[in-house]
Amino acid sequence: MKKTGKTRKHRSLTTQMIVTRAMELADKEGFDTLSMRKLAGALGVTAMSLYNHVAGKDDLLHLMLNRVVAEFESPDIGGAWEEMMRRRAHSMRRALLRHRWAPMLLMSEIAIGEEILRDTDATVGCLVTAGLTYAQADWARNAIDSHVYGYTLQELNYPVAPEEYKAAAKQYLPMISKADYPFMHAAALQIIDGKYDGMTRFDFGLEIILDGLNRWLVKG
């Protein structure tokens, strides 16, 4: 009996293939639009065959989030903690910008996977070996992560594109009374005049956090 192409695909299907294709679809269309049926169609298999590898969409989500965290540059325990935290934060931001669906889900889901556990352990370990207590290391990690998530979400969802700030400032300037809102009015003029581009700086907030942690360590 001749084997069909679908049978061969069914037998060669792996969890890794499923997660990879699911992430490609989510990156293109968003996680909310992803269904097991759509994913099966993209893989050329039946929806039921997916359940031999993943328990359902919730299980798939956790595997996808674990794959996103695998793209973070986790710190070396005992390494130069400040540079390690800086590199991890920048790698987080790059990963979250690649996978626009992931930030809110990582913030709202309790997902436990090998990569998530590895990154958390390495980050806490790096901070503890630098001299922070376990409580302080946890607070520090959360402060850095909150900055990364908050900045990235604003970057992805802010209604004005960077190249449009000057035009937006001109448009809204008449609504910002100089008498009532003198500093907002002056700030808008700075953007219009090209003295300031209106762009926030990721490193500005990150360095404030790292400087604060440095002072904490010096105090002992």
N, C-alpha and C. Protein backbone atom coordinates (compact mmCIF):
# COMPACT_ATOMS: atom_id res chain seq x y z
N MET A 1 0.84 -1.19 0.00
CA MET A 1 0.00 0.00 0.00
C MET A 1 0.88 1.24 0.00
N LYS A 2 0.61 2.13 -0.92
CA LYS A 2 1.43 3.32 -1.07
C LYS A 2 1.12 4.32 0.04
N LYS A 3 2.19 4.87 0.65
CA LYS A 3 2.01 5.88 1.70
C LYS A 3 1.75 7.24 1.08
N THR A 4 0.81 7.96 1.64
CA THR A 4 0.49 9.29 1.13
C THR A 4 1.47 10.31 1.70
N GLY A 5 1.50 11.51 1.03
CA GLY A 5 2.36 12.59 1.53
C GLY A 5 1.94 13.02 2.91
N LYS A 6 0.62 13.04 3.17
CA LYS A 6 0.13 13.47 4.48
C LYS A 6 0.57 12.49 5.56
N THR A 7 0.60 11.18 5.24
CA THR A 7 1.05 10.19 6.21
C THR A 7 2.51 10.40 6.54
N ARG A 8 3.32 10.67 5.52
CA ARG A 8 4.74 10.91 5.76
C ARG A 8 4.94 12.15 6.62
N LYS A 9 4.18 13.21 6.35
CA LYS A 9 4.29 14.43 7.15
C LYS A 9 3.88 14.17 8.59
N HIS A 10 2.82 13.37 8.75
CA HIS A 10 2.34 13.06 10.10
C HIS A 10 3.42 12.35 10.90
N ARG A 11 4.14 11.42 10.25
CA ARG A 11 5.14 10.63 10.95
C ARG A 11 6.40 11.47 11.24
N SER A 12 6.69 12.49 10.41
CA SER A 12 7.90 13.28 10.61
C SER A 12 7.65 14.52 11.47
N LEU A 13 6.42 14.75 11.87
CA LEU A 13 6.07 15.92 12.67
C LEU A 13 6.75 15.86 14.03
N THR A 14 7.29 16.99 14.47
CA THR A 14 7.92 17.07 15.79
C THR A 14 7.38 18.29 16.53
N THR A 15 7.56 18.28 17.85
CA THR A 15 7.15 19.44 18.65
C THR A 15 7.89 20.68 18.21
N GLN A 16 9.17 20.54 17.90
CA GLN A 16 9.98 21.68 17.47
C GLN A 16 9.41 22.30 16.18
N MET A 17 9.02 21.44 15.24
CA MET A 17 8.43 21.94 13.99
C MET A 17 7.13 22.68 14.26
N ILE A 18 6.32 22.15 15.15
CA ILE A 18 5.03 22.76 15.48
C ILE A 18 5.24 24.14 16.09
N VAL A 19 6.15 24.24 17.06
CA VAL A 19 6.40 25.51 17.74
C VAL A 19 6.99 26.53 16.76
N THR A 20 7.90 26.10 15.92
CA THR A 20 8.52 27.01 14.94
C THR A 20 7.47 27.59 14.00
N ARG A 21 6.59 26.73 13.48
CA ARG A 21 5.56 27.22 12.54
C ARG A 21 4.54 28.09 13.27
N ALA A 22 4.21 27.73 14.50
CA ALA A 22 3.27 28.54 15.28
C ALA A 22 3.83 29.94 15.52
N MET A 23 5.12 30.03 15.80
CA MET A 23 5.73 31.33 16.03
C MET A 23 5.78 32.15 14.76
N GLU A 24 6.01 31.50 13.64
CA GLU A 24 5.99 32.21 12.35
C GLU A 24 4.62 32.80 12.08
N LEU A 25 3.58 32.04 12.36
CA LEU A 25 2.21 32.53 12.15
C LEU A 25 1.88 33.65 13.13
N ALA A 26 2.27 33.49 14.39
CA ALA A 26 2.00 34.52 15.40
C ALA A 26 2.76 35.80 15.08
N ASP A 27 4.00 35.68 14.62
CA ASP A 27 4.78 36.86 14.27
C ASP A 27 4.13 37.63 13.12
N LYS A 28 3.50 36.89 12.22
CA LYS A 28 2.89 37.51 11.04
C LYS A 28 1.50 38.05 11.33
N GLU A 29 0.70 37.31 12.11
CA GLU A 29 -0.72 37.66 12.25
C GLU A 29 -1.16 37.89 13.69
N GLY A 30 -0.31 37.60 14.67
CA GLY A 30 -0.68 37.75 16.07
C GLY A 30 -1.12 36.42 16.67
N PHE A 31 -0.92 36.27 17.98
CA PHE A 31 -1.25 35.01 18.62
C PHE A 31 -2.75 34.77 18.68
N ASP A 32 -3.53 35.83 18.83
CA ASP A 32 -4.98 35.68 18.96
C ASP A 32 -5.61 35.04 17.73
N THR A 33 -4.99 35.21 16.57
CA THR A 33 -5.55 34.64 15.34
C THR A 33 -5.12 33.19 15.13
N LEU A 34 -4.21 32.73 15.96
CA LEU A 34 -3.69 31.38 15.79
C LEU A 34 -4.65 30.35 16.37
N SER A 35 -4.95 29.33 15.60
CA SER A 35 -5.76 28.21 16.08
C SER A 35 -5.06 26.92 15.72
N MET A 36 -5.42 25.86 16.40
CA MET A 36 -4.82 24.57 16.11
C MET A 36 -5.15 24.13 14.69
N ARG A 37 -6.34 24.47 14.25
CA ARG A 37 -6.75 24.10 12.89
C ARG A 37 -5.92 24.86 11.84
N LYS A 38 -5.72 26.16 12.08
CA LYS A 38 -4.92 26.95 11.14
C LYS A 38 -3.47 26.47 11.13
N LEU A 39 -2.95 26.17 12.31
CA LEU A 39 -1.58 25.69 12.42
C LEU A 39 -1.41 24.35 11.69
N ALA A 40 -2.39 23.47 11.86
CA ALA A 40 -2.33 22.17 11.19
C ALA A 40 -2.33 22.36 9.67
N GLY A 41 -3.17 23.27 9.19
CA GLY A 41 -3.21 23.54 7.76
C GLY A 41 -1.88 24.04 7.24
N ALA A 42 -1.22 24.92 8.02
CA ALA A 42 0.07 25.47 7.61
C ALA A 42 1.15 24.40 7.58
N LEU A 43 0.98 23.36 8.41
CA LEU A 43 1.95 22.26 8.45
C LEU A 43 1.58 21.13 7.50
N GLY A 44 0.38 21.20 6.94
CA GLY A 44 -0.06 20.16 6.03
C GLY A 44 -0.41 18.86 6.71
N VAL A 45 -0.92 18.97 7.96
CA VAL A 45 -1.32 17.77 8.70
C VAL A 45 -2.73 17.98 9.24
N THR A 46 -3.29 16.96 9.85
CA THR A 46 -4.60 17.10 10.47
C THR A 46 -4.45 17.75 11.84
N ALA A 47 -5.49 18.44 12.29
CA ALA A 47 -5.45 19.10 13.59
C ALA A 47 -5.21 18.09 14.71
N MET A 48 -5.82 16.91 14.58
CA MET A 48 -5.69 15.90 15.63
C MET A 48 -4.24 15.44 15.79
N SER A 49 -3.46 15.47 14.71
CA SER A 49 -2.08 15.00 14.80
C SER A 49 -1.23 15.91 15.68
N LEU A 50 -1.64 17.17 15.80
CA LEU A 50 -0.89 18.09 16.65
C LEU A 50 -0.94 17.67 18.11
N TYR A 51 -2.06 17.07 18.50
CA TYR A 51 -2.26 16.71 19.91
C TYR A 51 -1.39 15.54 20.35
N ASN A 52 -0.69 14.90 19.40
CA ASN A 52 0.29 13.90 19.77
C ASN A 52 1.56 14.54 20.33
N HIS A 53 1.68 15.88 20.13
CA HIS A 53 2.90 16.59 20.52
C HIS A 53 2.64 17.72 21.51
N VAL A 54 1.48 18.36 21.43
CA VAL A 54 1.12 19.43 22.37
C VAL A 54 -0.29 19.16 22.90
N ALA A 55 -0.50 19.50 24.16
CA ALA A 55 -1.79 19.19 24.79
C ALA A 55 -2.92 20.08 24.30
N GLY A 56 -2.58 21.26 23.80
CA GLY A 56 -3.60 22.19 23.34
C GLY A 56 -2.97 23.55 23.14
N LYS A 57 -3.80 24.57 22.93
CA LYS A 57 -3.27 25.89 22.62
C LYS A 57 -2.53 26.49 23.81
N ASP A 58 -2.99 26.24 25.03
CA ASP A 58 -2.29 26.77 26.21
C ASP A 58 -0.90 26.17 26.33
N ASP A 59 -0.80 24.88 26.10
CA ASP A 59 0.50 24.21 26.13
C ASP A 59 1.40 24.75 25.03
N LEU A 60 0.83 24.95 23.86
CA LEU A 60 1.58 25.50 22.74
C LEU A 60 2.11 26.89 23.08
N LEU A 61 1.26 27.72 23.70
CA LEU A 61 1.67 29.07 24.08
C LEU A 61 2.89 29.03 25.00
N HIS A 62 2.86 28.16 25.99
CA HIS A 62 3.98 28.08 26.92
C HIS A 62 5.27 27.63 26.22
N LEU A 63 5.14 26.74 25.27
CA LEU A 63 6.31 26.33 24.49
C LEU A 63 6.83 27.49 23.64
N MET A 64 5.92 28.28 23.10
CA MET A 64 6.32 29.44 22.29
C MET A 64 7.00 30.50 23.15
N LEU A 65 6.45 30.77 24.33
CA LEU A 65 7.06 31.75 25.23
C LEU A 65 8.44 31.29 25.68
N ASN A 66 8.57 30.00 25.91
CA ASN A 66 9.86 29.45 26.28
C ASN A 66 10.88 29.68 25.17
N ARG A 67 10.44 29.55 23.92
CA ARG A 67 11.32 29.77 22.77
C ARG A 67 11.72 31.25 22.67
N VAL A 68 10.79 32.14 22.99
CA VAL A 68 11.12 33.57 22.98
C VAL A 68 12.20 33.88 24.00
N VAL A 69 12.03 33.35 25.22
CA VAL A 69 13.01 33.60 26.28
C VAL A 69 14.36 33.00 25.94
N ALA A 70 14.38 31.95 25.14
CA ALA A 70 15.64 31.35 24.70
C ALA A 70 16.47 32.34 23.89
N GLU A 71 15.82 33.38 23.35
CA GLU A 71 16.52 34.41 22.58
C GLU A 71 17.13 35.49 23.48
N PHE A 72 16.79 35.48 24.77
CA PHE A 72 17.40 36.43 25.70
C PHE A 72 18.85 36.03 25.94
N GLU A 73 19.72 37.00 26.10
CA GLU A 73 21.12 36.71 26.42
C GLU A 73 21.26 36.65 27.93
N SER A 74 21.11 35.47 28.46
CA SER A 74 21.16 35.30 29.91
C SER A 74 22.57 35.58 30.43
N PRO A 75 22.66 36.14 31.64
CA PRO A 75 23.98 36.52 32.18
C PRO A 75 24.79 35.32 32.63
N ASP A 76 26.08 35.54 32.76
CA ASP A 76 26.97 34.52 33.33
C ASP A 76 27.02 34.72 34.84
N ILE A 77 26.80 33.67 35.58
CA ILE A 77 26.89 33.76 37.04
C ILE A 77 28.35 34.01 37.42
N GLY A 78 28.57 35.07 38.19
CA GLY A 78 29.92 35.44 38.57
C GLY A 78 30.57 36.37 37.57
N GLY A 79 29.86 36.70 36.48
CA GLY A 79 30.40 37.61 35.48
C GLY A 79 30.25 39.06 35.90
N ALA A 80 30.66 39.97 35.04
CA ALA A 80 30.53 41.41 35.31
C ALA A 80 29.04 41.76 35.28
N TRP A 81 28.42 41.84 36.45
CA TRP A 81 26.97 41.88 36.56
C TRP A 81 26.34 43.03 35.78
N GLU A 82 26.96 44.21 35.84
CA GLU A 82 26.35 45.38 35.20
C GLU A 82 26.28 45.21 33.69
N GLU A 83 27.40 44.77 33.09
CA GLU A 83 27.42 44.55 31.65
C GLU A 83 26.50 43.39 31.27
N MET A 84 26.45 42.36 32.12
CA MET A 84 25.56 41.22 31.87
C MET A 84 24.10 41.66 31.86
N MET A 85 23.70 42.49 32.81
CA MET A 85 22.31 42.97 32.87
C MET A 85 21.99 43.86 31.68
N ARG A 86 22.97 44.66 31.28
CA ARG A 86 22.77 45.55 30.14
C ARG A 86 22.55 44.73 28.86
N ARG A 87 23.39 43.74 28.66
CA ARG A 87 23.28 42.91 27.46
C ARG A 87 21.98 42.10 27.46
N ARG A 88 21.61 41.59 28.63
CA ARG A 88 20.36 40.83 28.72
C ARG A 88 19.16 41.74 28.37
N ALA A 89 19.15 42.95 28.92
CA ALA A 89 18.03 43.87 28.68
C ALA A 89 17.90 44.20 27.19
N HIS A 90 19.02 44.46 26.54
CA HIS A 90 18.97 44.79 25.11
C HIS A 90 18.53 43.58 24.28
N SER A 91 18.98 42.38 24.66
CA SER A 91 18.57 41.18 23.93
C SER A 91 17.09 40.90 24.14
N MET A 92 16.58 41.18 25.35
CA MET A 92 15.15 41.04 25.61
C MET A 92 14.34 41.93 24.70
N ARG A 93 14.76 43.19 24.63
CA ARG A 93 14.04 44.15 23.79
C ARG A 93 14.03 43.70 22.33
N ARG A 94 15.17 43.24 21.84
CA ARG A 94 15.22 42.78 20.44
C ARG A 94 14.29 41.60 20.21
N ALA A 95 14.27 40.66 21.15
CA ALA A 95 13.40 39.48 21.02
C ALA A 95 11.93 39.88 21.05
N LEU A 96 11.57 40.79 21.93
CA LEU A 96 10.17 41.22 22.06
C LEU A 96 9.73 42.02 20.84
N LEU A 97 10.65 42.76 20.23
CA LEU A 97 10.30 43.48 19.00
C LEU A 97 10.13 42.51 17.82
N ARG A 98 10.89 41.41 17.84
CA ARG A 98 10.72 40.39 16.79
C ARG A 98 9.39 39.67 16.94
N HIS A 99 8.97 39.45 18.18
CA HIS A 99 7.75 38.70 18.46
C HIS A 99 6.76 39.63 19.18
N ARG A 100 6.07 40.45 18.40
CA ARG A 100 5.24 41.51 18.96
C ARG A 100 4.10 40.98 19.83
N TRP A 101 3.71 39.76 19.64
CA TRP A 101 2.62 39.14 20.40
C TRP A 101 3.06 38.71 21.79
N ALA A 102 4.38 38.63 22.03
CA ALA A 102 4.89 38.00 23.24
C ALA A 102 4.91 38.87 24.50
N PRO A 103 5.19 40.18 24.44
CA PRO A 103 5.35 40.94 25.69
C PRO A 103 4.18 40.82 26.67
N MET A 104 2.95 41.07 26.21
CA MET A 104 1.81 41.02 27.11
C MET A 104 1.57 39.62 27.65
N LEU A 105 1.84 38.62 26.83
CA LEU A 105 1.63 37.24 27.27
C LEU A 105 2.69 36.81 28.28
N LEU A 106 3.93 37.25 28.10
CA LEU A 106 4.96 36.94 29.07
C LEU A 106 4.68 37.62 30.40
N MET A 107 4.02 38.78 30.36
CA MET A 107 3.69 39.50 31.58
C MET A 107 2.47 38.93 32.29
N SER A 108 1.61 38.24 31.55
CA SER A 108 0.32 37.82 32.12
C SER A 108 0.19 36.31 32.30
N GLU A 109 1.14 35.55 31.78
CA GLU A 109 1.09 34.09 31.88
C GLU A 109 2.16 33.57 32.83
N ILE A 110 1.82 32.60 33.67
CA ILE A 110 2.84 31.91 34.47
C ILE A 110 3.30 30.72 33.64
N ALA A 111 4.36 30.94 32.90
CA ALA A 111 4.88 29.90 32.02
C ALA A 111 6.19 29.38 32.59
N ILE A 112 6.27 28.08 32.79
CA ILE A 112 7.49 27.46 33.31
C ILE A 112 8.03 26.51 32.25
N GLY A 113 9.19 26.84 31.76
CA GLY A 113 9.86 25.99 30.79
C GLY A 113 11.35 26.02 31.04
N GLU A 114 12.08 25.16 30.37
CA GLU A 114 13.52 25.04 30.62
C GLU A 114 14.25 26.36 30.41
N GLU A 115 13.94 27.07 29.32
CA GLU A 115 14.63 28.32 29.02
C GLU A 115 14.24 29.42 29.99
N ILE A 116 12.98 29.46 30.38
CA ILE A 116 12.51 30.47 31.34
C ILE A 116 13.17 30.25 32.69
N LEU A 117 13.23 29.00 33.14
CA LEU A 117 13.89 28.69 34.40
C LEU A 117 15.38 29.00 34.34
N ARG A 118 16.00 28.67 33.22
CA ARG A 118 17.44 28.90 33.06
C ARG A 118 17.75 30.39 33.12
N ASP A 119 16.95 31.20 32.41
CA ASP A 119 17.20 32.64 32.39
C ASP A 119 17.00 33.25 33.78
N THR A 120 15.92 32.86 34.44
CA THR A 120 15.65 33.39 35.78
C THR A 120 16.76 33.02 36.75
N ASP A 121 17.17 31.75 36.72
CA ASP A 121 18.22 31.29 37.63
C ASP A 121 19.53 32.02 37.36
N ALA A 122 19.88 32.19 36.10
CA ALA A 122 21.13 32.86 35.74
C ALA A 122 21.11 34.33 36.15
N THR A 123 19.96 34.97 35.97
CA THR A 123 19.86 36.39 36.30
C THR A 123 19.95 36.60 37.81
N VAL A 124 19.19 35.82 38.56
CA VAL A 124 19.25 35.92 40.03
C VAL A 124 20.65 35.55 40.51
N GLY A 125 21.23 34.51 39.95
CA GLY A 125 22.56 34.08 40.35
C GLY A 125 23.62 35.13 40.10
N CYS A 126 23.54 35.79 38.96
CA CYS A 126 24.50 36.85 38.63
C CYS A 126 24.41 37.99 39.64
N LEU A 127 23.19 38.38 40.01
CA LEU A 127 22.99 39.49 40.95
C LEU A 127 23.36 39.12 42.38
N VAL A 128 23.07 37.89 42.77
CA VAL A 128 23.41 37.45 44.12
C VAL A 128 24.93 37.36 44.28
N THR A 129 25.62 36.80 43.30
CA THR A 129 27.08 36.69 43.39
C THR A 129 27.75 38.05 43.31
N ALA A 130 27.02 39.06 42.78
CA ALA A 130 27.55 40.42 42.76
C ALA A 130 27.45 41.09 44.13
N GLY A 131 26.63 40.53 45.02
CA GLY A 131 26.55 41.07 46.37
C GLY A 131 25.17 41.43 46.86
N LEU A 132 24.15 41.25 46.03
CA LEU A 132 22.79 41.53 46.45
C LEU A 132 22.22 40.34 47.23
N THR A 133 21.28 40.62 48.11
CA THR A 133 20.56 39.53 48.76
C THR A 133 19.61 38.91 47.75
N TYR A 134 19.03 37.77 48.11
CA TYR A 134 18.07 37.15 47.18
C TYR A 134 16.86 38.04 46.95
N ALA A 135 16.40 38.72 48.00
CA ALA A 135 15.27 39.63 47.84
C ALA A 135 15.65 40.79 46.93
N GLN A 136 16.82 41.38 47.15
CA GLN A 136 17.26 42.50 46.32
C GLN A 136 17.47 42.07 44.87
N ALA A 137 18.00 40.87 44.67
CA ALA A 137 18.21 40.36 43.31
C ALA A 137 16.87 40.20 42.58
N ASP A 138 15.87 39.72 43.31
CA ASP A 138 14.55 39.55 42.71
C ASP A 138 13.94 40.91 42.37
N TRP A 139 14.09 41.88 43.28
CA TRP A 139 13.58 43.23 43.01
C TRP A 139 14.30 43.84 41.81
N ALA A 140 15.62 43.65 41.76
CA ALA A 140 16.41 44.21 40.67
C ALA A 140 16.00 43.61 39.32
N ARG A 141 15.85 42.30 39.30
CA ARG A 141 15.44 41.64 38.05
C ARG A 141 14.08 42.14 37.60
N ASN A 142 13.16 42.29 38.54
CA ASN A 142 11.83 42.78 38.19
C ASN A 142 11.85 44.23 37.72
N ALA A 143 12.71 45.05 38.33
CA ALA A 143 12.81 46.44 37.91
C ALA A 143 13.33 46.54 36.47
N ILE A 144 14.35 45.76 36.16
CA ILE A 144 14.91 45.76 34.81
C ILE A 144 13.88 45.23 33.81
N ASP A 145 13.25 44.10 34.15
CA ASP A 145 12.26 43.50 33.25
C ASP A 145 11.07 44.43 33.04
N SER A 146 10.64 45.10 34.08
CA SER A 146 9.51 46.03 33.96
C SER A 146 9.86 47.17 33.01
N HIS A 147 11.09 47.65 33.09
CA HIS A 147 11.52 48.70 32.16
C HIS A 147 11.51 48.19 30.73
N VAL A 148 12.05 46.98 30.53
CA VAL A 148 12.10 46.42 29.17
C VAL A 148 10.70 46.23 28.60
N TYR A 149 9.81 45.60 29.39
CA TYR A 149 8.46 45.34 28.91
C TYR A 149 7.71 46.65 28.65
N GLY A 150 7.79 47.57 29.62
CA GLY A 150 7.06 48.82 29.47
C GLY A 150 7.53 49.63 28.28
N TYR A 151 8.85 49.74 28.13
CA TYR A 151 9.41 50.51 27.01
C TYR A 151 9.02 49.86 25.68
N THR A 152 9.15 48.53 25.61
CA THR A 152 8.88 47.83 24.36
C THR A 152 7.40 47.92 23.98
N LEU A 153 6.52 47.79 24.96
CA LEU A 153 5.09 47.90 24.66
C LEU A 153 4.75 49.29 24.14
N GLN A 154 5.35 50.32 24.74
CA GLN A 154 5.10 51.68 24.25
C GLN A 154 5.68 51.84 22.85
N GLU A 155 6.86 51.26 22.64
CA GLU A 155 7.50 51.34 21.33
C GLU A 155 6.65 50.68 20.25
N LEU A 156 6.01 49.57 20.60
CA LEU A 156 5.19 48.84 19.63
C LEU A 156 3.82 49.47 19.40
N ASN A 157 3.30 50.18 20.40
CA ASN A 157 1.91 50.62 20.34
C ASN A 157 1.70 52.13 20.34
N TYR A 158 2.77 52.92 20.48
CA TYR A 158 2.58 54.37 20.53
C TYR A 158 1.98 54.83 19.20
N PRO A 159 0.96 55.68 19.25
CA PRO A 159 0.21 56.01 18.04
C PRO A 159 0.94 56.91 17.04
N VAL A 160 2.08 57.46 17.42
CA VAL A 160 2.82 58.33 16.50
C VAL A 160 4.17 57.70 16.19
N ALA A 161 4.45 57.52 14.91
CA ALA A 161 5.74 56.95 14.50
C ALA A 161 6.84 57.98 14.73
N PRO A 162 8.07 57.54 15.00
CA PRO A 162 9.16 58.48 15.29
C PRO A 162 9.34 59.56 14.24
N GLU A 163 9.21 59.20 12.97
CA GLU A 163 9.41 60.18 11.91
C GLU A 163 8.25 61.16 11.79
N GLU A 164 7.19 60.91 12.54
CA GLU A 164 6.01 61.78 12.47
C GLU A 164 5.89 62.73 13.67
N TYR A 165 6.86 62.69 14.60
CA TYR A 165 6.75 63.49 15.81
C TYR A 165 6.65 64.99 15.52
N LYS A 166 7.49 65.46 14.60
CA LYS A 166 7.49 66.89 14.31
C LYS A 166 6.14 67.33 13.74
N ALA A 167 5.59 66.56 12.81
CA ALA A 167 4.28 66.89 12.23
C ALA A 167 3.19 66.84 13.29
N ALA A 168 3.27 65.84 14.19
CA ALA A 168 2.28 65.72 15.26
C ALA A 168 2.37 66.90 16.22
N ALA A 169 3.59 67.32 16.53
CA ALA A 169 3.77 68.47 17.43
C ALA A 169 3.15 69.73 16.82
N LYS A 170 3.34 69.92 15.53
CA LYS A 170 2.74 71.08 14.86
C LYS A 170 1.21 71.00 14.89
N GLN A 171 0.70 69.79 14.69
CA GLN A 171 -0.75 69.60 14.66
C GLN A 171 -1.40 69.91 16.01
N TYR A 172 -0.75 69.47 17.09
CA TYR A 172 -1.36 69.60 18.41
C TYR A 172 -0.96 70.86 19.16
N LEU A 173 0.01 71.60 18.65
CA LEU A 173 0.46 72.80 19.34
C LEU A 173 -0.68 73.79 19.63
N PRO A 174 -1.60 74.04 18.68
CA PRO A 174 -2.69 74.98 18.98
C PRO A 174 -3.58 74.53 20.14
N MET A 175 -3.58 73.24 20.45
CA MET A 175 -4.41 72.73 21.54
C MET A 175 -3.70 72.82 22.90
N ILE A 176 -2.41 73.17 22.86
CA ILE A 176 -1.62 73.23 24.10
C ILE A 176 -1.39 74.70 24.44
N SER A 177 -2.25 75.23 25.27
CA SER A 177 -2.18 76.65 25.63
C SER A 177 -0.86 76.97 26.33
N LYS A 178 -0.16 77.99 25.81
CA LYS A 178 1.09 78.40 26.44
C LYS A 178 0.84 78.94 27.85
N ALA A 179 -0.30 79.59 28.06
CA ALA A 179 -0.63 80.14 29.37
C ALA A 179 -0.95 79.04 30.37
N ASP A 180 -1.67 78.03 29.94
CA ASP A 180 -2.09 76.96 30.86
C ASP A 180 -1.06 75.85 31.00
N TYR A 181 -0.35 75.55 29.90
CA TYR A 181 0.60 74.43 29.91
C TYR A 181 1.95 74.89 29.34
N PRO A 182 2.62 75.79 30.05
CA PRO A 182 3.83 76.41 29.49
C PRO A 182 4.94 75.43 29.16
N PHE A 183 5.11 74.40 29.99
CA PHE A 183 6.23 73.48 29.76
C PHE A 183 5.93 72.49 28.63
N MET A 184 4.69 72.04 28.54
CA MET A 184 4.31 71.19 27.41
C MET A 184 4.40 71.98 26.10
N HIS A 185 3.99 73.25 26.14
CA HIS A 185 4.07 74.11 24.95
C HIS A 185 5.53 74.27 24.52
N ALA A 186 6.40 74.54 25.49
CA ALA A 186 7.82 74.71 25.18
C ALA A 186 8.44 73.42 24.65
N ALA A 187 8.02 72.28 25.22
CA ALA A 187 8.54 70.99 24.77
C ALA A 187 8.13 70.71 23.33
N ALA A 188 6.88 71.03 22.98
CA ALA A 188 6.41 70.84 21.61
C ALA A 188 7.19 71.72 20.64
N LEU A 189 7.50 72.95 21.06
CA LEU A 189 8.29 73.83 20.20
C LEU A 189 9.70 73.29 19.99
N GLN A 190 10.26 72.65 21.00
CA GLN A 190 11.58 72.04 20.86
C GLN A 190 11.58 70.99 19.76
N ILE A 191 10.50 70.20 19.71
CA ILE A 191 10.39 69.17 18.66
C ILE A 191 10.19 69.81 17.30
N ILE A 192 9.32 70.82 17.23
CA ILE A 192 9.04 71.50 15.96
C ILE A 192 10.31 72.16 15.42
N ASP A 193 11.10 72.76 16.32
CA ASP A 193 12.32 73.47 15.91
C ASP A 193 13.50 72.54 15.67
N GLY A 194 13.31 71.25 15.94
CA GLY A 194 14.38 70.28 15.70
C GLY A 194 15.43 70.23 16.79
N LYS A 195 15.15 70.85 17.94
CA LYS A 195 16.11 70.82 19.05
C LYS A 195 16.03 69.49 19.81
N TYR A 196 14.92 68.81 19.66
CA TYR A 196 14.70 67.52 20.30
C TYR A 196 13.84 66.70 19.35
N ASP A 197 14.17 65.44 19.16
CA ASP A 197 13.45 64.63 18.17
C ASP A 197 12.20 63.95 18.74
N GLY A 198 11.95 64.10 20.05
CA GLY A 198 10.77 63.48 20.64
C GLY A 198 10.93 62.02 20.98
N MET A 199 12.10 61.46 20.64
CA MET A 199 12.33 60.03 20.85
C MET A 199 12.74 59.77 22.29
N THR A 200 12.12 58.76 22.91
CA THR A 200 12.58 58.32 24.22
C THR A 200 13.85 57.48 24.02
N ARG A 201 14.57 57.25 25.08
CA ARG A 201 15.82 56.50 24.99
C ARG A 201 15.76 55.30 25.92
N PHE A 202 15.89 54.11 25.35
CA PHE A 202 15.86 52.88 26.14
C PHE A 202 16.96 52.88 27.20
N ASP A 203 18.14 53.30 26.81
CA ASP A 203 19.28 53.27 27.72
C ASP A 203 19.13 54.27 28.87
N PHE A 204 18.37 55.33 28.68
CA PHE A 204 18.20 56.33 29.74
C PHE A 204 17.62 55.67 30.99
N GLY A 205 16.50 54.98 30.84
CA GLY A 205 15.87 54.32 31.97
C GLY A 205 16.70 53.17 32.50
N LEU A 206 17.30 52.40 31.58
CA LEU A 206 18.10 51.25 31.99
C LEU A 206 19.29 51.68 32.84
N GLU A 207 19.98 52.75 32.41
CA GLU A 207 21.16 53.18 33.15
C GLU A 207 20.79 53.75 34.51
N ILE A 208 19.63 54.38 34.63
CA ILE A 208 19.18 54.86 35.94
C ILE A 208 19.02 53.68 36.90
N ILE A 209 18.44 52.59 36.41
CA ILE A 209 18.26 51.40 37.25
C ILE A 209 19.61 50.81 37.64
N LEU A 210 20.51 50.68 36.68
CA LEU A 210 21.83 50.10 36.97
C LEU A 210 22.63 50.99 37.92
N ASP A 211 22.54 52.30 37.74
CA ASP A 211 23.23 53.22 38.66
C ASP A 211 22.68 53.07 40.07
N GLY A 212 21.37 52.93 40.18
CA GLY A 212 20.75 52.74 41.51
C GLY A 212 21.22 51.45 42.16
N LEU A 213 21.33 50.39 41.38
CA LEU A 213 21.82 49.12 41.91
C LEU A 213 23.27 49.21 42.35
N ASN A 214 24.05 49.98 41.59
CA ASN A 214 25.44 50.20 41.96
C ASN A 214 25.55 50.89 43.32
N ARG A 215 24.71 51.90 43.53
CA ARG A 215 24.73 52.60 44.82
C ARG A 215 24.31 51.67 45.95
N TRP A 216 23.36 50.80 45.65
CA TRP A 216 22.89 49.81 46.63
C TRP A 216 24.03 48.89 47.05
N LEU A 217 24.82 48.44 46.05
CA LEU A 217 25.93 47.55 46.34
C LEU A 217 27.04 48.24 47.14
N VAL A 218 27.28 49.51 46.83
CA VAL A 218 28.31 50.27 47.55
C VAL A 218 27.94 50.43 49.02
N LYS A 219 26.64 50.63 49.26
CA LYS A 219 26.18 50.77 50.65
C LYS A 219 26.35 49.48 51.44
N GLY A 220 26.39 48.38 50.73
CA GLY A 220 26.57 47.09 51.38
C GLY A 220 25.34 46.60 52.04
